[in-house]
């Protein structure tokens, strides 16, 4: 179970980093979509713990 937790955290961090990068490079829609997906994944992860 620990490996799954680490994988989720790394995935969410990666998606947040990509969203910040896309948002700063004038791809605001893509950045916002990635941010929303990352927030949704982290919310589901926290609520199911």
N, C-alpha and C. Protein backbone atom coordinates (compact mmCIF):
# COMPACT_ATOMS: atom_id res chain seq x y z
N UNK A 1 0.81 -1.20 0.00
CA UNK A 1 0.00 0.00 0.00
C UNK A 1 0.86 1.26 0.00
N UNK A 2 2.04 1.19 0.59
CA UNK A 2 2.92 2.35 0.63
C UNK A 2 3.36 2.76 -0.77
N UNK A 3 3.62 1.80 -1.63
CA UNK A 3 4.04 2.11 -3.00
C UNK A 3 2.93 2.84 -3.76
N UNK A 4 1.69 2.44 -3.52
CA UNK A 4 0.55 3.11 -4.15
C UNK A 4 0.46 4.56 -3.68
N UNK A 5 0.64 4.79 -2.39
CA UNK A 5 0.61 6.14 -1.85
C UNK A 5 1.69 7.01 -2.48
N UNK A 6 2.88 6.47 -2.59
CA UNK A 6 3.99 7.22 -3.18
C UNK A 6 3.70 7.53 -4.65
N UNK A 7 3.14 6.56 -5.36
CA UNK A 7 2.82 6.77 -6.78
C UNK A 7 1.77 7.87 -6.95
N UNK A 8 0.77 7.90 -6.09
CA UNK A 8 -0.26 8.94 -6.18
C UNK A 8 0.34 10.31 -5.89
N UNK A 9 1.18 10.40 -4.87
CA UNK A 9 1.79 11.68 -4.52
C UNK A 9 2.68 12.18 -5.66
N UNK A 10 3.48 11.30 -6.24
CA UNK A 10 4.36 11.69 -7.34
C UNK A 10 3.54 12.11 -8.56
N UNK A 11 2.46 11.40 -8.85
CA UNK A 11 1.60 11.75 -9.98
C UNK A 11 0.98 13.13 -9.79
N UNK A 12 0.46 13.39 -8.60
CA UNK A 12 -0.17 14.69 -8.33
C UNK A 12 0.85 15.81 -8.39
N UNK A 13 2.03 15.59 -7.83
CA UNK A 13 3.08 16.62 -7.88
C UNK A 13 3.50 16.90 -9.32
N UNK A 14 3.63 15.84 -10.11
CA UNK A 14 4.00 16.01 -11.52
C UNK A 14 2.94 16.77 -12.30
N UNK A 15 1.68 16.44 -12.05
CA UNK A 15 0.60 17.14 -12.75
C UNK A 15 0.55 18.61 -12.34
N UNK A 16 0.79 18.90 -11.07
CA UNK A 16 0.80 20.30 -10.63
C UNK A 16 1.97 21.06 -11.23
N UNK A 17 3.12 20.42 -11.34
CA UNK A 17 4.28 21.07 -11.96
C UNK A 17 4.01 21.34 -13.44
N UNK A 18 3.43 20.36 -14.13
CA UNK A 18 3.09 20.56 -15.55
C UNK A 18 2.04 21.65 -15.73
N UNK A 19 1.08 21.71 -14.82
CA UNK A 19 0.05 22.75 -14.95
C UNK A 19 0.65 24.13 -14.76
N UNK A 20 1.57 24.27 -13.81
CA UNK A 20 2.23 25.57 -13.62
C UNK A 20 3.06 25.94 -14.84
N UNK A 21 3.73 24.96 -15.43
CA UNK A 21 4.54 25.22 -16.62
C UNK A 21 3.66 25.62 -17.80
N UNK A 22 2.57 24.90 -18.00
CA UNK A 22 1.65 25.24 -19.10
C UNK A 22 1.02 26.61 -18.88
N UNK A 23 0.65 26.90 -17.65
CA UNK A 23 0.01 28.18 -17.35
C UNK A 23 0.96 29.34 -17.59
N UNK A 24 2.24 29.14 -17.29
CA UNK A 24 3.21 30.22 -17.49
C UNK A 24 3.59 30.39 -18.96
N UNK A 25 3.35 29.38 -19.77
CA UNK A 25 3.68 29.46 -21.19
C UNK A 25 2.45 29.80 -22.04
N UNK A 26 1.51 30.49 -21.45
CA UNK A 26 0.32 30.98 -22.16
C UNK A 26 -0.62 29.87 -22.62
N UNK A 27 -0.48 28.67 -22.10
CA UNK A 27 -1.45 27.60 -22.40
C UNK A 27 -2.34 27.46 -21.17
N UNK A 28 -3.11 28.49 -20.92
CA UNK A 28 -3.86 28.58 -19.68
C UNK A 28 -4.93 27.49 -19.55
N UNK A 29 -5.61 27.16 -20.65
CA UNK A 29 -6.66 26.16 -20.57
C UNK A 29 -6.08 24.80 -20.20
N UNK A 30 -4.97 24.41 -20.82
CA UNK A 30 -4.33 23.13 -20.51
C UNK A 30 -3.85 23.12 -19.06
N UNK A 31 -3.29 24.22 -18.61
CA UNK A 31 -2.82 24.31 -17.23
C UNK A 31 -3.95 24.17 -16.23
N UNK A 32 -5.07 24.81 -16.52
CA UNK A 32 -6.21 24.71 -15.61
C UNK A 32 -6.81 23.31 -15.59
N UNK A 33 -6.84 22.65 -16.74
CA UNK A 33 -7.36 21.28 -16.80
C UNK A 33 -6.47 20.34 -15.99
N UNK A 34 -5.15 20.47 -16.16
CA UNK A 34 -4.23 19.63 -15.39
C UNK A 34 -4.35 19.91 -13.89
N UNK A 35 -4.50 21.17 -13.51
CA UNK A 35 -4.66 21.52 -12.10
C UNK A 35 -5.93 20.92 -11.53
N UNK A 36 -7.02 20.98 -12.28
CA UNK A 36 -8.29 20.42 -11.82
C UNK A 36 -8.19 18.91 -11.67
N UNK A 37 -7.54 18.24 -12.62
CA UNK A 37 -7.38 16.79 -12.52
C UNK A 37 -6.52 16.41 -11.32
N UNK A 38 -5.43 17.13 -11.11
CA UNK A 38 -4.56 16.84 -9.97
C UNK A 38 -5.29 17.06 -8.65
N UNK A 39 -6.06 18.14 -8.55
CA UNK A 39 -6.82 18.40 -7.33
C UNK A 39 -7.88 17.34 -7.11
N UNK A 40 -8.51 16.89 -8.18
CA UNK A 40 -9.51 15.82 -8.05
C UNK A 40 -8.91 14.52 -7.58
N UNK A 41 -7.75 14.16 -8.12
CA UNK A 41 -7.08 12.93 -7.71
C UNK A 41 -6.68 13.02 -6.24
N UNK A 42 -6.12 14.15 -5.83
CA UNK A 42 -5.70 14.27 -4.44
C UNK A 42 -6.90 14.29 -3.49
N UNK A 43 -8.01 14.90 -3.91
CA UNK A 43 -9.21 14.91 -3.07
C UNK A 43 -9.77 13.51 -2.90
N UNK A 44 -9.85 12.75 -3.98
CA UNK A 44 -10.32 11.36 -3.89
C UNK A 44 -9.40 10.53 -3.02
N UNK A 45 -8.10 10.74 -3.16
CA UNK A 45 -7.11 10.00 -2.37
C UNK A 45 -7.28 10.30 -0.88
N UNK A 46 -7.46 11.57 -0.54
CA UNK A 46 -7.59 11.95 0.87
C UNK A 46 -8.92 11.45 1.44
N UNK A 47 -9.99 11.54 0.66
CA UNK A 47 -11.31 11.13 1.16
C UNK A 47 -11.44 9.62 1.33
N UNK A 48 -10.67 8.85 0.60
CA UNK A 48 -10.77 7.39 0.72
C UNK A 48 -9.78 6.82 1.73
N UNK A 49 -9.03 7.65 2.40
CA UNK A 49 -8.07 7.18 3.40
C UNK A 49 -8.76 6.88 4.69
